[in-house]
């Protein structure tokens, strides 16, 4: 059975990563020897490695890595919050790639004389930079640059389609906290994450315009106050929790005074990649563009 990325865990990690994010630092100097035994401790890192064409060097992944399907048979070495150091050490990797915020694990691995590479993925810019950093470390810089160029071409194409159009107010929700079958808290995209980048690139504007907090949490009353014109609800692997999805749909329909509900512009995105800030983020940008600007003919969504 496919190991899906638990939504509550995603919310916790998302909040931690975005809040702890610092200014981008220069890319580190690459050592001459290209690693051949790589362990990835995050789904976005794993997807980046395979997108760069070095998936054959990956010897283990985190518990929540399930794409591409090849990784399902690889050894698992824990998760973002609890990497299994004993299992990692036993596999004798020559490189472990982690997220920058996993500072404790990085220090522990260094004490074990295991080489590490830390990357970031909270914004579109850091996602691109991660591809470049991993490309440099694995001697696949040209492949990384090619992927980033293709991402930029996609962005330019969409920008050309939406230029001059009205920018509706969009709310992206990344999770719900339920209390007695009612939505108690809704976590939404703020001004400092990749969802905010996608909203802007797809021709919308984030309904939450304040700079703080980095990951806002609001109530249903807060939704009424913000009154978004479009709601994009990130609800990955919905087929694994259909009952929850039905309740979520009912909750949205109960907010009849919200512009997005009145005009039937509440969209639930169920694909697993919607929570993975890696190279497949361009698929999510495609969806955002089509949702935010349905008046455009997106039949040939290129490049």
Protein backbone atom coordinates (compact mmCIF):
# COMPACT_ATOMS: atom_id res chain seq x y z
CA UNK A 1 0.00 0.00 0.00
CA UNK A 2 1.27 3.40 -0.91
CA UNK A 3 2.57 5.35 2.07
CA UNK A 4 0.82 8.72 1.84
CA UNK A 5 2.04 12.01 3.30
CA UNK A 6 -0.14 12.62 6.41
CA UNK A 7 -1.81 15.99 6.19
CA UNK A 8 -1.35 16.98 9.83
CA UNK A 9 2.34 16.11 9.66
CA UNK A 10 2.64 18.17 6.50
CA UNK A 11 1.05 21.14 8.25
CA UNK A 12 3.44 20.84 11.20
CA UNK A 13 6.51 20.59 8.98
CA UNK A 14 5.26 23.33 6.66
CA UNK A 15 4.81 25.71 9.58
CA UNK A 16 8.21 24.82 11.03
CA UNK A 17 10.05 25.28 7.74
CA UNK A 18 8.40 28.57 6.80
CA UNK A 19 8.75 30.12 10.25
CA UNK A 20 12.40 29.10 10.59
CA UNK A 21 13.35 30.21 7.07
CA UNK A 22 16.26 32.59 6.76
CA UNK A 23 17.64 34.62 3.90
CA UNK A 24 19.09 32.53 1.09
CA UNK A 25 22.76 31.73 1.58
CA UNK A 26 25.36 31.27 -1.18
CA UNK A 27 25.69 27.81 -2.67
CA UNK A 28 28.48 25.88 -1.02
CA UNK A 29 31.63 24.86 -2.85
CA UNK A 30 31.34 21.36 -4.28
CA UNK A 31 33.82 18.67 -3.40
CA UNK A 32 35.42 16.91 -6.38
CA UNK A 33 34.08 13.42 -5.64
CA UNK A 34 30.50 12.91 -6.74
CA UNK A 35 28.51 10.90 -4.13
CA UNK A 36 27.30 7.45 -5.16
CA UNK A 37 25.37 6.36 -2.04
CA UNK A 38 22.78 9.03 -1.24
CA UNK A 39 20.09 9.08 1.43
CA UNK A 40 17.20 11.54 1.20
CA UNK A 41 15.30 12.67 4.29
CA UNK A 42 12.38 14.45 2.57
CA UNK A 43 9.98 13.71 -0.31
CA UNK A 44 10.92 16.93 -2.13
CA UNK A 45 14.60 15.97 -2.00
CA UNK A 46 13.89 12.47 -3.28
CA UNK A 47 11.85 13.81 -6.19
CA UNK A 48 14.61 16.28 -7.02
CA UNK A 49 17.23 13.51 -7.11
CA UNK A 50 15.18 11.41 -9.49
CA UNK A 51 14.29 14.42 -11.67
CA UNK A 52 18.02 15.12 -12.02
CA UNK A 53 18.66 11.57 -13.19
CA UNK A 54 20.58 10.31 -10.15
CA UNK A 55 17.84 8.13 -8.70
CA UNK A 56 20.07 5.08 -9.15
CA UNK A 57 22.37 6.50 -6.47
CA UNK A 58 19.61 6.77 -3.85
CA UNK A 59 20.01 3.93 -1.35
CA UNK A 60 17.37 4.95 1.21
CA UNK A 61 14.66 7.54 1.74
CA UNK A 62 12.39 8.94 4.44
CA UNK A 63 9.27 7.13 5.61
CA UNK A 64 7.06 9.47 3.60
CA UNK A 65 8.78 9.26 0.23
CA UNK A 66 6.61 7.46 -2.32
CA UNK A 67 7.39 9.13 -5.64
CA UNK A 68 8.53 7.94 -8.06
CA UNK A 69 7.23 4.42 -7.42
CA UNK A 70 10.77 3.01 -7.46
CA UNK A 71 11.40 4.42 -3.98
CA UNK A 72 8.71 2.22 -2.42
CA UNK A 73 11.15 -0.69 -2.36
CA UNK A 74 14.03 1.29 -0.88
CA UNK A 75 14.93 1.11 2.83
CA UNK A 76 13.21 3.73 5.00
CA UNK A 77 15.20 5.72 7.54
CA UNK A 78 12.61 7.66 9.52
CA UNK A 79 11.01 11.02 8.91
CA UNK A 80 11.60 14.74 9.13
CA UNK A 81 11.15 14.78 12.89
CA UNK A 82 12.71 11.44 13.73
CA UNK A 83 15.41 10.23 11.29
CA UNK A 84 16.82 6.84 12.28
CA UNK A 85 20.52 7.53 12.76
CA UNK A 86 21.35 3.88 13.40
CA UNK A 87 19.76 2.82 10.13
CA UNK A 88 21.48 5.63 8.25
CA UNK A 89 24.88 4.71 9.67
CA UNK A 90 24.40 1.03 8.82
CA UNK A 91 23.78 1.89 5.15
CA UNK A 92 27.16 3.67 4.90
CA UNK A 93 26.05 6.63 2.76
CA UNK A 94 28.56 9.06 1.31
CA UNK A 95 25.92 11.84 1.36
CA UNK A 96 22.74 12.49 3.33
CA UNK A 97 20.56 15.32 2.04
CA UNK A 98 18.28 17.03 4.55
CA UNK A 99 16.26 20.19 4.90
CA UNK A 100 18.15 23.08 6.45
CA UNK A 101 15.84 23.16 9.46
CA UNK A 102 16.81 19.64 10.52
CA UNK A 103 19.67 21.13 12.50
CA UNK A 104 19.77 18.46 15.21
CA UNK A 105 19.99 15.62 12.70
CA UNK A 106 22.68 17.48 10.75
CA UNK A 107 24.83 17.89 13.87
CA UNK A 108 24.36 14.25 14.85
CA UNK A 109 25.33 13.05 11.38
CA UNK A 110 28.42 15.25 11.39
CA UNK A 111 29.44 13.72 14.72
CA UNK A 112 29.19 10.34 12.99
CA UNK A 113 31.44 11.65 10.17
CA UNK A 114 28.65 11.38 7.62
CA UNK A 115 28.69 14.05 4.94
CA UNK A 116 25.50 16.11 4.68
CA UNK A 117 23.97 18.62 2.31
CA UNK A 118 21.21 20.90 3.55
CA UNK A 119 18.64 22.48 1.25
CA UNK A 120 15.50 24.58 1.48
CA UNK A 121 12.09 24.42 -0.13
CA UNK A 122 9.78 27.02 1.42
CA UNK A 123 9.57 29.27 -1.65
CA UNK A 124 9.81 28.82 -5.40
CA UNK A 125 13.22 30.50 -5.38
CA UNK A 126 14.61 28.05 -2.81
CA UNK A 127 13.08 25.10 -4.67
CA UNK A 128 15.02 26.15 -7.77
CA UNK A 129 18.16 26.70 -5.73
CA UNK A 130 17.82 23.24 -4.21
CA UNK A 131 17.85 21.70 -7.68
CA UNK A 132 21.02 23.63 -8.50
CA UNK A 133 22.73 22.66 -5.23
CA UNK A 134 21.91 18.98 -5.63
CA UNK A 135 22.92 19.17 -9.29
CA UNK A 136 26.29 20.57 -8.29
CA UNK A 137 26.87 17.96 -5.60
CA UNK A 138 25.99 15.08 -7.92
CA UNK A 139 27.81 16.39 -11.01
CA UNK A 140 24.47 16.96 -12.74
CA UNK A 141 24.49 20.74 -12.86
CA UNK A 142 23.49 20.91 -16.53
CA UNK A 143 20.43 18.78 -15.85
CA UNK A 144 19.50 21.02 -12.93
CA UNK A 145 19.90 24.15 -15.01
CA UNK A 146 17.74 22.60 -17.73
CA UNK A 147 14.92 21.90 -15.26
CA UNK A 148 15.10 25.41 -13.82
CA UNK A 149 15.07 26.89 -17.33
CA UNK A 150 11.97 24.87 -18.18
CA UNK A 151 10.32 26.11 -14.99
CA UNK A 152 11.09 29.70 -15.97
CA UNK A 153 9.70 29.10 -19.44
CA UNK A 154 6.46 27.79 -17.95
CA UNK A 155 6.22 30.85 -15.71
CA UNK A 156 6.83 33.18 -18.66
CA UNK A 157 4.18 31.39 -20.74
CA UNK A 158 1.53 31.72 -18.03
CA UNK A 159 2.52 35.33 -17.39
CA UNK A 160 1.90 36.08 -21.06
CA UNK A 161 -1.59 34.56 -20.85
CA UNK A 162 -2.68 36.43 -17.71
CA UNK A 163 -1.06 39.78 -18.46
CA UNK A 164 -3.48 42.66 -17.95
CA UNK A 165 -6.22 40.52 -16.41
CA UNK A 166 -7.93 41.17 -13.11
CA UNK A 167 -6.29 39.43 -10.16
CA UNK A 168 -8.93 37.78 -7.96
CA UNK A 169 -8.32 37.36 -4.23
CA UNK A 170 -7.30 33.77 -3.58
CA UNK A 171 -7.15 31.81 -0.34
CA UNK A 172 -5.08 28.63 -0.29
CA UNK A 173 -5.83 26.37 2.67
CA UNK A 174 -3.26 23.79 3.71
CA UNK A 175 -5.14 22.05 6.51
CA UNK A 176 -8.07 22.00 8.88
CA UNK A 177 -8.32 21.32 12.58
CA UNK A 178 -11.60 19.64 13.50
CA UNK A 179 -13.40 19.88 16.84
CA UNK A 180 -16.62 17.90 17.30
CA UNK A 181 -16.95 17.43 13.53
CA UNK A 182 -16.70 21.20 12.98
CA UNK A 183 -13.79 23.08 11.41
CA UNK A 184 -12.13 24.85 14.31
CA UNK A 185 -8.98 26.19 12.69
CA UNK A 186 -7.96 26.64 9.06
CA UNK A 187 -4.30 27.03 8.13
CA UNK A 188 -3.79 29.17 5.06
CA UNK A 189 -0.97 30.39 2.87
CA UNK A 190 0.71 33.57 4.05
CA UNK A 191 3.13 35.87 2.25
CA UNK A 192 6.25 33.74 2.72
CA UNK A 193 5.69 30.35 1.08
CA UNK A 194 5.60 28.69 -2.31
CA UNK A 195 1.80 28.72 -2.41
CA UNK A 196 1.90 32.51 -2.27
CA UNK A 197 4.40 32.46 -5.15
CA UNK A 198 2.07 30.24 -7.18
CA UNK A 199 -0.95 32.47 -6.50
CA UNK A 200 0.90 35.49 -7.87
CA UNK A 201 2.38 33.66 -10.85
CA UNK A 202 -1.03 32.19 -11.75
CA UNK A 203 -2.63 35.63 -11.90
CA UNK A 204 -4.20 35.99 -8.48
CA UNK A 205 -3.45 37.84 -5.28
CA UNK A 206 -3.24 36.30 -1.84
CA UNK A 207 -6.32 37.24 0.16
CA UNK A 208 -4.11 37.29 3.26
CA UNK A 209 -1.92 40.33 2.68
CA UNK A 210 -0.30 40.76 6.11
CA UNK A 211 3.38 39.90 6.48
CA UNK A 212 2.82 38.08 9.77
CA UNK A 213 2.29 35.45 10.89
CA UNK A 214 4.16 33.48 8.27
CA UNK A 215 1.60 30.65 8.45
CA UNK A 216 -1.77 32.22 9.38
CA UNK A 217 -4.49 30.25 11.13
CA UNK A 218 -8.06 31.50 10.98
CA UNK A 219 -11.56 30.41 12.00
CA UNK A 220 -14.60 30.08 9.75
CA UNK A 221 -15.48 33.60 10.85
CA UNK A 222 -12.06 34.65 9.60
CA UNK A 223 -12.92 33.26 6.17
CA UNK A 224 -16.06 35.42 6.15
CA UNK A 225 -13.97 38.46 7.01
CA UNK A 226 -11.38 37.80 4.31
CA UNK A 227 -14.13 36.92 1.80
CA UNK A 228 -11.92 35.33 -0.88
CA UNK A 229 -13.08 35.19 -4.47
CA UNK A 230 -11.37 31.84 -5.01
CA UNK A 231 -10.63 29.12 -2.45
CA UNK A 232 -8.08 26.43 -3.24
CA UNK A 233 -8.13 23.70 -0.62
CA UNK A 234 -5.04 21.48 -0.57
CA UNK A 235 -6.32 18.05 0.48
CA UNK A 236 -3.87 15.40 -0.82
CA UNK A 237 -4.62 11.69 -1.08
CA UNK A 238 -8.32 12.38 -0.57
CA UNK A 239 -9.14 8.81 -1.61
CA UNK A 240 -7.55 7.65 1.65
CA UNK A 241 -9.97 9.69 3.77
CA UNK A 242 -13.17 10.17 1.79
CA UNK A 243 -15.29 10.77 4.90
CA UNK A 244 -13.09 13.71 5.88
CA UNK A 245 -13.29 15.11 2.36
CA UNK A 246 -17.09 14.96 2.41
CA UNK A 247 -17.17 16.87 5.69
CA UNK A 248 -14.79 19.48 4.32
CA UNK A 249 -17.00 20.04 1.27
CA UNK A 250 -20.02 20.42 3.55
CA UNK A 251 -18.19 22.96 5.69
CA UNK A 252 -17.35 25.11 2.69
CA UNK A 253 -20.94 25.03 1.45
CA UNK A 254 -22.11 26.27 4.85
CA UNK A 255 -20.29 29.56 4.21
CA UNK A 256 -22.88 30.85 1.77
CA UNK A 257 -21.95 34.49 2.27
CA UNK A 258 -18.38 34.00 1.05
CA UNK A 259 -17.82 35.18 -2.50
CA UNK A 260 -16.00 32.01 -3.57
CA UNK A 261 -18.82 29.79 -2.28
CA UNK A 262 -21.53 31.92 -3.86
CA UNK A 263 -19.87 31.69 -7.25
CA UNK A 264 -18.90 28.02 -6.93
CA UNK A 265 -15.19 28.77 -6.92
CA UNK A 266 -14.12 26.43 -4.15
CA UNK A 267 -11.63 23.91 -5.54
CA UNK A 268 -10.12 20.93 -3.75
CA UNK A 269 -6.77 19.69 -5.04
CA UNK A 270 -6.26 16.06 -4.15
CA UNK A 271 -3.00 15.22 -5.92
CA UNK A 272 -0.15 14.23 -3.59
CA UNK A 273 2.34 16.55 -5.29
CA UNK A 274 0.35 19.53 -4.00
CA UNK A 275 2.20 19.26 -0.68
CA UNK A 276 5.63 18.40 -2.10
CA UNK A 277 7.72 21.52 -2.86
CA UNK A 278 9.88 19.88 -5.49
CA UNK A 279 10.22 19.82 -9.30
CA UNK A 280 6.56 18.82 -9.80
CA UNK A 281 5.49 22.19 -8.42
CA UNK A 282 4.95 23.31 -12.00
CA UNK A 283 2.02 20.89 -12.22
CA UNK A 284 0.49 22.74 -9.30
CA UNK A 285 1.12 26.07 -11.01
CA UNK A 286 -0.80 24.76 -14.04
CA UNK A 287 -3.75 23.91 -11.79
CA UNK A 288 -3.66 27.25 -10.01
CA UNK A 289 -3.66 29.11 -13.33
CA UNK A 290 -6.65 27.17 -14.65
CA UNK A 291 -8.57 27.62 -11.39
CA UNK A 292 -7.85 31.33 -10.98
CA UNK A 293 -8.45 32.22 -14.64
CA UNK A 294 -10.97 29.75 -16.11
CA UNK A 295 -11.88 32.33 -18.76
CA UNK A 296 -8.57 31.64 -20.52
CA UNK A 297 -8.30 28.82 -23.03
CA UNK A 298 -5.73 26.55 -21.39
CA UNK A 299 -6.18 23.73 -23.92
CA UNK A 300 -2.54 23.93 -24.86
CA UNK A 301 -0.89 24.61 -21.54
CA UNK A 302 2.68 25.00 -22.72
CA UNK A 303 5.61 24.86 -22.62
